[in-house]
């Protein structure tokens, strides 16, 4: 097998219904030099059966497909566990509800190969019904708000690991940590993937909700998580 340039790390927990679509979108990628590391974070549905089936499919296509089973410890633990097994020069944390366009990996890889100053490449995306167009990378904007999602291609040597004590806004914490270490991102101005919401109301809420409903449980949880990140990074 060819040494992989990209390690795709998939943390998953109780997402058996959407997992096949996620894995199919990887199978359909135009970029082919990758390995897959799935960390099953204590799922009790039929996740294991689905992973065994797809492992056979990927191996037939000469792709490395590693399954790691662990007791439920949370997404950050699962991501870090997968990272320890990664052999690629680049890594991408690909959540099990993420469905990518065929050219996503190819465009992210080409962007980092041609922009050596960047440590990671991120793109616009859809979350349920909402399209997030995003912006050019800005350290000032990043310090004010989370806008870069976890599904970004990262140079492995620049990845600091996820803080397993952070339970929400983990992606914001990651990019702020990398910024403090001198690492910045580069934006691809295209919608290259969508995050499925399982047919339920998206966890995303319009910004005005946070102003007019300060005592709404979801708003309070978000504000508390935001406070934790700002205190950690002295923002």
Protein backbone atom coordinates (compact mmCIF):
# COMPACT_ATOMS: atom_id res chain seq x y z
CA UNK A 1 0.00 0.00 0.00
CA UNK A 2 1.10 3.53 -0.77
CA UNK A 3 2.05 5.65 2.23
CA UNK A 4 -0.94 7.96 2.85
CA UNK A 5 -0.60 11.70 2.48
CA UNK A 6 -3.83 12.27 4.42
CA UNK A 7 -5.14 10.57 7.54
CA UNK A 8 -8.93 10.82 7.84
CA UNK A 9 -9.92 10.50 11.50
CA UNK A 10 -13.59 9.78 12.20
CA UNK A 11 -14.86 9.89 15.79
CA UNK A 12 -18.31 8.34 16.00
CA UNK A 13 -20.90 7.67 18.66
CA UNK A 14 -24.41 6.34 18.00
CA UNK A 15 -24.47 7.61 14.39
CA UNK A 16 -25.15 4.35 12.57
CA UNK A 17 -27.97 5.89 10.51
CA UNK A 18 -25.82 8.59 8.93
CA UNK A 19 -22.44 6.80 8.97
CA UNK A 20 -22.88 5.05 5.57
CA UNK A 21 -23.44 8.39 3.80
CA UNK A 22 -20.35 9.78 5.49
CA UNK A 23 -18.21 6.84 4.39
CA UNK A 24 -19.68 6.86 0.87
CA UNK A 25 -18.64 10.49 0.50
CA UNK A 26 -15.07 9.43 1.33
CA UNK A 27 -15.22 6.57 -1.17
CA UNK A 28 -16.25 9.09 -3.83
CA UNK A 29 -13.36 11.51 -3.23
CA UNK A 30 -11.29 12.40 -6.29
CA UNK A 31 -8.20 12.50 -4.06
CA UNK A 32 -7.20 8.91 -3.33
CA UNK A 33 -4.00 8.89 -1.26
CA UNK A 34 -5.48 8.56 2.21
CA UNK A 35 -6.04 6.23 5.14
CA UNK A 36 -9.07 6.05 7.41
CA UNK A 37 -9.02 5.73 11.18
CA UNK A 38 -12.42 5.34 12.83
CA UNK A 39 -12.72 5.64 16.60
CA UNK A 40 -15.95 4.03 17.79
CA UNK A 41 -16.53 5.88 21.05
CA UNK A 42 -18.64 3.28 22.84
CA UNK A 43 -21.56 3.07 20.40
CA UNK A 44 -24.30 0.57 21.30
CA UNK A 45 -26.20 0.71 17.99
CA UNK A 46 -25.09 -1.23 14.88
CA UNK A 47 -22.08 1.02 14.22
CA UNK A 48 -19.67 -1.94 14.48
CA UNK A 49 -21.51 -3.90 11.77
CA UNK A 50 -21.43 -0.92 9.41
CA UNK A 51 -17.73 -0.34 10.03
CA UNK A 52 -16.87 -4.00 9.37
CA UNK A 53 -18.76 -3.85 6.08
CA UNK A 54 -17.03 -0.68 4.91
CA UNK A 55 -13.63 -1.89 6.03
CA UNK A 56 -13.89 -4.70 3.46
CA UNK A 57 -14.89 -2.21 0.77
CA UNK A 58 -12.00 0.16 1.46
CA UNK A 59 -9.43 -2.61 1.74
CA UNK A 60 -10.53 -3.91 -1.69
CA UNK A 61 -9.69 -0.44 -2.99
CA UNK A 62 -6.21 -0.73 -1.44
CA UNK A 63 -6.99 1.73 1.36
CA UNK A 64 -5.92 1.38 4.97
CA UNK A 65 -8.98 1.28 7.23
CA UNK A 66 -8.38 1.00 10.96
CA UNK A 67 -11.15 0.63 13.56
CA UNK A 68 -10.47 1.56 17.17
CA UNK A 69 -13.08 0.67 19.78
CA UNK A 70 -13.09 2.43 23.12
CA UNK A 71 -15.53 3.09 25.95
CA UNK A 72 -17.42 6.34 25.66
CA UNK A 73 -15.02 9.17 26.54
CA UNK A 74 -16.24 11.99 24.31
CA UNK A 75 -15.29 13.36 20.91
CA UNK A 76 -12.01 15.01 21.91
CA UNK A 77 -10.70 11.80 23.45
CA UNK A 78 -11.72 9.90 20.31
CA UNK A 79 -10.03 12.43 18.03
CA UNK A 80 -6.80 12.34 20.03
CA UNK A 81 -6.87 8.54 20.05
CA UNK A 82 -7.21 8.49 16.28
CA UNK A 83 -4.44 11.05 15.84
CA UNK A 84 -1.98 8.80 17.67
CA UNK A 85 -2.49 6.18 14.95
CA UNK A 86 -2.21 8.60 12.01
CA UNK A 87 0.54 8.07 9.43
CA UNK A 88 -0.30 10.87 7.02
CA UNK A 89 1.51 14.14 6.48
CA UNK A 90 -1.89 15.82 6.79
CA UNK A 91 -4.83 14.99 9.05
CA UNK A 92 -8.52 15.82 8.90
CA UNK A 93 -11.10 15.23 11.62
CA UNK A 94 -14.16 14.12 9.70
CA UNK A 95 -17.23 13.82 11.93
CA UNK A 96 -19.62 10.99 11.12
CA UNK A 97 -22.44 13.40 10.17
CA UNK A 98 -20.27 15.13 7.54
CA UNK A 99 -21.03 14.55 3.85
CA UNK A 100 -18.35 15.95 1.56
CA UNK A 101 -18.35 16.92 -2.08
CA UNK A 102 -16.16 14.71 -4.26
CA UNK A 103 -13.43 17.31 -4.69
CA UNK A 104 -13.13 18.41 -1.05
CA UNK A 105 -9.93 16.56 -0.12
CA UNK A 106 -8.30 17.35 -3.45
CA UNK A 107 -8.95 21.09 -3.10
CA UNK A 108 -7.82 21.21 0.52
CA UNK A 109 -4.66 19.23 -0.27
CA UNK A 110 -3.78 21.39 -3.29
CA UNK A 111 -4.35 24.55 -1.21
CA UNK A 112 -1.88 23.50 1.48
CA UNK A 113 0.64 22.19 -1.04
CA UNK A 114 0.68 25.59 -2.75
CA UNK A 115 0.42 27.82 0.35
CA UNK A 116 3.28 26.74 2.55
CA UNK A 117 2.66 29.52 5.08
CA UNK A 118 -0.70 28.00 6.07
CA UNK A 119 -1.03 25.29 8.70
CA UNK A 120 -4.58 24.27 7.80
CA UNK A 121 -7.16 24.76 5.08
CA UNK A 122 -10.83 25.36 5.86
CA UNK A 123 -13.85 26.01 3.65
CA UNK A 124 -17.41 27.23 3.67
CA UNK A 125 -20.05 24.63 4.52
CA UNK A 126 -23.72 23.90 5.14
CA UNK A 127 -25.10 22.99 8.55
CA UNK A 128 -28.61 21.62 8.09
CA UNK A 129 -30.50 24.32 6.20
CA UNK A 130 -27.97 27.07 6.98
CA UNK A 131 -25.08 27.97 4.66
CA UNK A 132 -21.94 29.35 6.30
CA UNK A 133 -19.94 31.26 3.69
CA UNK A 134 -17.15 32.30 6.11
CA UNK A 135 -14.25 34.69 5.41
CA UNK A 136 -10.54 35.00 4.76
CA UNK A 137 -8.47 33.99 7.76
CA UNK A 138 -8.22 36.77 10.34
CA UNK A 139 -6.51 36.40 13.75
CA UNK A 140 -8.57 39.33 15.04
CA UNK A 141 -11.88 37.79 13.96
CA UNK A 142 -10.88 34.39 15.34
CA UNK A 143 -10.23 35.92 18.76
CA UNK A 144 -13.73 37.40 18.74
CA UNK A 145 -15.79 34.47 17.48
CA UNK A 146 -15.68 30.80 16.44
CA UNK A 147 -16.14 30.50 12.69
CA UNK A 148 -13.82 27.68 11.55
CA UNK A 149 -15.26 24.18 11.90
CA UNK A 150 -13.30 21.09 12.89
CA UNK A 151 -13.44 19.55 9.40
CA UNK A 152 -10.30 21.23 8.06
CA UNK A 153 -7.12 19.75 6.60
CA UNK A 154 -4.21 20.24 9.04
CA UNK A 155 -0.47 19.76 8.73
CA UNK A 156 0.12 16.92 11.16
CA UNK A 157 3.31 18.43 12.60
CA UNK A 158 1.39 21.56 13.65
CA UNK A 159 -1.50 19.81 15.40
CA UNK A 160 -1.32 20.36 19.19
CA UNK A 161 -4.01 17.88 20.21
CA UNK A 162 -7.51 18.58 21.52
CA UNK A 163 -7.96 19.69 25.11
CA UNK A 164 -10.07 16.86 26.56
CA UNK A 165 -11.30 19.12 29.36
CA UNK A 166 -13.10 21.33 26.82
CA UNK A 167 -16.59 19.95 26.16
CA UNK A 168 -18.02 22.60 23.81
CA UNK A 169 -16.49 24.91 21.17
CA UNK A 170 -13.59 22.45 20.85
CA UNK A 171 -12.82 23.66 17.34
CA UNK A 172 -12.52 27.29 18.46
CA UNK A 173 -10.18 26.20 21.25
CA UNK A 174 -8.04 24.25 18.77
CA UNK A 175 -7.61 27.11 16.29
CA UNK A 176 -6.87 29.61 19.08
CA UNK A 177 -4.23 27.28 20.50
CA UNK A 178 -2.64 26.93 17.07
CA UNK A 179 -2.77 30.71 16.59
CA UNK A 180 -0.89 31.17 19.87
CA UNK A 181 1.74 28.77 18.52
CA UNK A 182 2.15 30.83 15.35
CA UNK A 183 -0.03 28.72 13.04
CA UNK A 184 -2.70 30.21 10.80
CA UNK A 185 -5.28 28.92 8.35
CA UNK A 186 -6.27 29.60 4.77
CA UNK A 187 -9.84 29.80 3.49
CA UNK A 188 -11.19 28.01 0.43
CA UNK A 189 -14.18 30.14 -0.69
CA UNK A 190 -16.41 27.23 -1.63
CA UNK A 191 -19.03 25.10 0.13
CA UNK A 192 -17.30 21.71 0.12
CA UNK A 193 -19.33 19.74 2.66
CA UNK A 194 -22.53 19.66 4.65
CA UNK A 195 -23.24 18.55 8.18
CA UNK A 196 -26.42 16.51 8.51
CA UNK A 197 -28.65 17.22 11.48
CA UNK A 198 -30.45 13.87 11.60
CA UNK A 199 -33.82 15.31 10.65
CA UNK A 200 -34.05 17.32 13.88
CA UNK A 201 -33.94 21.08 14.41
CA UNK A 202 -30.37 22.26 13.96
CA UNK A 203 -28.42 23.17 17.08
CA UNK A 204 -27.47 26.33 15.23
CA UNK A 205 -29.60 29.33 16.15
CA UNK A 206 -29.71 32.80 14.57
CA UNK A 207 -27.51 35.33 16.35
CA UNK A 208 -30.45 37.42 17.52
CA UNK A 209 -31.62 34.47 19.70
CA UNK A 210 -28.61 35.07 21.92
CA UNK A 211 -29.72 38.65 22.49
CA UNK A 212 -33.47 38.23 22.98
CA UNK A 213 -33.41 34.87 24.81
CA UNK A 214 -30.51 35.11 27.29
CA UNK A 215 -32.15 32.67 29.71
CA UNK A 216 -32.91 30.00 27.06
CA UNK A 217 -31.07 26.79 28.14
CA UNK A 218 -29.13 26.43 24.87
CA UNK A 219 -28.07 30.08 25.01
CA UNK A 220 -26.92 29.77 28.63
CA UNK A 221 -24.86 26.66 27.79
CA UNK A 222 -23.27 28.40 24.82
CA UNK A 223 -22.43 31.49 26.87
CA UNK A 224 -20.83 29.35 29.56
CA UNK A 225 -18.76 27.46 26.98
CA UNK A 226 -17.73 30.77 25.41
CA UNK A 227 -16.64 32.05 28.82
CA UNK A 228 -14.46 28.96 29.38
CA UNK A 229 -12.65 29.46 26.06
CA UNK A 230 -12.16 33.21 26.59
CA UNK A 231 -10.75 32.70 30.07
CA UNK A 232 -8.38 29.97 28.86
CA UNK A 233 -7.03 32.14 26.03
CA UNK A 234 -7.26 35.44 27.93
CA UNK A 235 -9.57 37.07 25.42
